[in-house]
Amino acid sequence: MSAEGDIVQTEYGWAVASERPSMRRDMYWLKLPERHVYYWDGDGWYRVDGEKIDFIPDGELPHG
């Protein structure tokens, strides 16, 4: 299990593990304790891995 502030490798790339969004914009964010993976798109954090959502509009990812 990752500790707060650890840098971990996910299947998407390196991520900062924390409960709140990282200030790092050059890495993914591994949300603890859920271990969902998010990325920054310039407008917000978007979840790319984790709990599934029933409906996602075409071309969109769930907002984090």
C-alpha atoms as a PDB file:
ATOM      1  CA  MET A   1       0.000   0.000   0.000  1.00  0.00           C
ATOM      2  CA  SER A   2       1.227   3.494  -0.823  1.00  0.00           C
ATOM      3  CA  ALA A   3       1.841   6.100   1.855  1.00  0.00           C
ATOM      4  CA  GLU A   4       0.839   9.768   1.596  1.00  0.00           C
ATOM      5  CA  GLY A   5       3.243  11.633  -0.681  1.00  0.00           C
ATOM      6  CA  ASP A   6       4.878   8.509  -2.166  1.00  0.00           C
ATOM      7  CA  ILE A   7       5.729   8.525  -5.855  1.00  0.00           C
ATOM      8  CA  VAL A   8       4.369   5.289  -7.332  1.00  0.00           C
ATOM      9  CA  GLN A   9       4.249   3.777 -10.797  1.00  0.00           C
ATOM     10  CA  THR A  10       0.802   2.993 -12.229  1.00  0.00           C
ATOM     11  CA  GLU A  11      -0.097   1.429 -15.566  1.00  0.00           C
ATOM     12  CA  TYR A  12      -0.555   5.012 -16.856  1.00  0.00           C
ATOM     13  CA  GLY A  13       2.725   6.460 -15.561  1.00  0.00           C
ATOM     14  CA  TRP A  14       4.222   7.879 -12.366  1.00  0.00           C
ATOM     15  CA  ALA A  15       1.768   9.239  -9.807  1.00  0.00           C
ATOM     16  CA  VAL A  16       1.796  11.146  -6.517  1.00  0.00           C
ATOM     17  CA  ALA A  17      -0.177   9.178  -3.894  1.00  0.00           C
ATOM     18  CA  SER A  18      -2.309  11.418  -1.657  1.00  0.00           C
ATOM     19  CA  GLU A  19      -5.812  12.012  -0.328  1.00  0.00           C
ATOM     20  CA  ARG A  20      -6.110  15.391  -2.078  1.00  0.00           C
ATOM     21  CA  PRO A  21      -5.092  16.392  -5.616  1.00  0.00           C
ATOM     22  CA  SER A  22      -1.383  16.891  -6.064  1.00  0.00           C
ATOM     23  CA  MET A  23       0.051  20.266  -7.036  1.00  0.00           C
ATOM     24  CA  ARG A  24       2.267  18.336  -9.464  1.00  0.00           C
ATOM     25  CA  ARG A  25       0.919  18.682 -12.984  1.00  0.00           C
ATOM     26  CA  ASP A  26       3.613  16.534 -14.607  1.00  0.00           C
ATOM     27  CA  MET A  27       2.425  13.301 -12.949  1.00  0.00           C
ATOM     28  CA  TYR A  28      -0.765  11.374 -12.412  1.00  0.00           C
ATOM     29  CA  TRP A  29      -2.488  11.439  -9.014  1.00  0.00           C
ATOM     30  CA  LEU A  30      -3.201   8.194  -7.127  1.00  0.00           C
ATOM     31  CA  LYS A  31      -6.087   9.045  -4.793  1.00  0.00           C
ATOM     32  CA  LEU A  32      -5.783   7.365  -1.407  1.00  0.00           C
ATOM     33  CA  PRO A  33      -7.262   5.257   0.068  1.00  0.00           C
ATOM     34  CA  GLU A  34      -9.396   4.407  -3.005  1.00  0.00           C
ATOM     35  CA  ARG A  35      -6.345   4.079  -5.306  1.00  0.00           C
ATOM     36  CA  HIS A  36      -8.178   5.717  -8.219  1.00  0.00           C
ATOM     37  CA  VAL A  37      -5.843   7.201 -10.850  1.00  0.00           C
ATOM     38  CA  TYR A  38      -6.428  10.739 -12.187  1.00  0.00           C
ATOM     39  CA  TYR A  39      -4.687  12.965 -14.711  1.00  0.00           C
ATOM     40  CA  TRP A  40      -4.649  16.755 -15.102  1.00  0.00           C
ATOM     41  CA  ASP A  41      -6.018  18.020 -18.439  1.00  0.00           C
ATOM     42  CA  GLY A  42      -5.444  21.736 -17.827  1.00  0.00           C
ATOM     43  CA  ASP A  43      -8.994  22.242 -16.535  1.00  0.00           C
ATOM     44  CA  GLY A  44      -9.247  19.684 -13.752  1.00  0.00           C
ATOM     45  CA  TRP A  45      -8.449  16.149 -12.640  1.00  0.00           C
ATOM     46  CA  TYR A  46     -10.055  13.351 -14.632  1.00  0.00           C
ATOM     47  CA  ARG A  47     -10.332   9.775 -13.409  1.00  0.00           C
ATOM     48  CA  VAL A  48      -8.751   7.257 -15.765  1.00  0.00           C
ATOM     49  CA  ASP A  49      -8.863   4.214 -13.489  1.00  0.00           C
ATOM     50  CA  GLY A  50     -10.962   3.171 -10.529  1.00  0.00           C
ATOM     51  CA  GLU A  51     -14.597   2.613  -9.674  1.00  0.00           C
ATOM     52  CA  LYS A  52     -16.677   2.262 -12.834  1.00  0.00           C
ATOM     53  CA  ILE A  53     -19.465   4.709 -13.660  1.00  0.00           C
ATOM     54  CA  ASP A  54     -22.588   3.395 -15.452  1.00  0.00           C
ATOM     55  CA  PHE A  55     -22.753   6.114 -18.121  1.00  0.00           C
ATOM     56  CA  ILE A  56     -19.923   8.146 -19.611  1.00  0.00           C
ATOM     57  CA  PRO A  57     -20.814  10.445 -22.551  1.00  0.00           C
ATOM     58  CA  ASP A  58     -18.934   9.610 -25.752  1.00  0.00           C
ATOM     59  CA  GLY A  59     -15.439  11.101 -25.688  1.00  0.00           C
ATOM     60  CA  GLU A  60     -15.651  12.224 -22.053  1.00  0.00           C
ATOM     61  CA  LEU A  61     -14.076  10.928 -18.862  1.00  0.00           C
ATOM     62  CA  PRO A  62     -15.608  11.232 -15.381  1.00  0.00           C
ATOM     63  CA  HIS A  63     -14.472  14.435 -13.660  1.00  0.00           C
ATOM     64  CA  GLY A  64     -12.568  14.025 -10.386  1.00  0.00           C
END
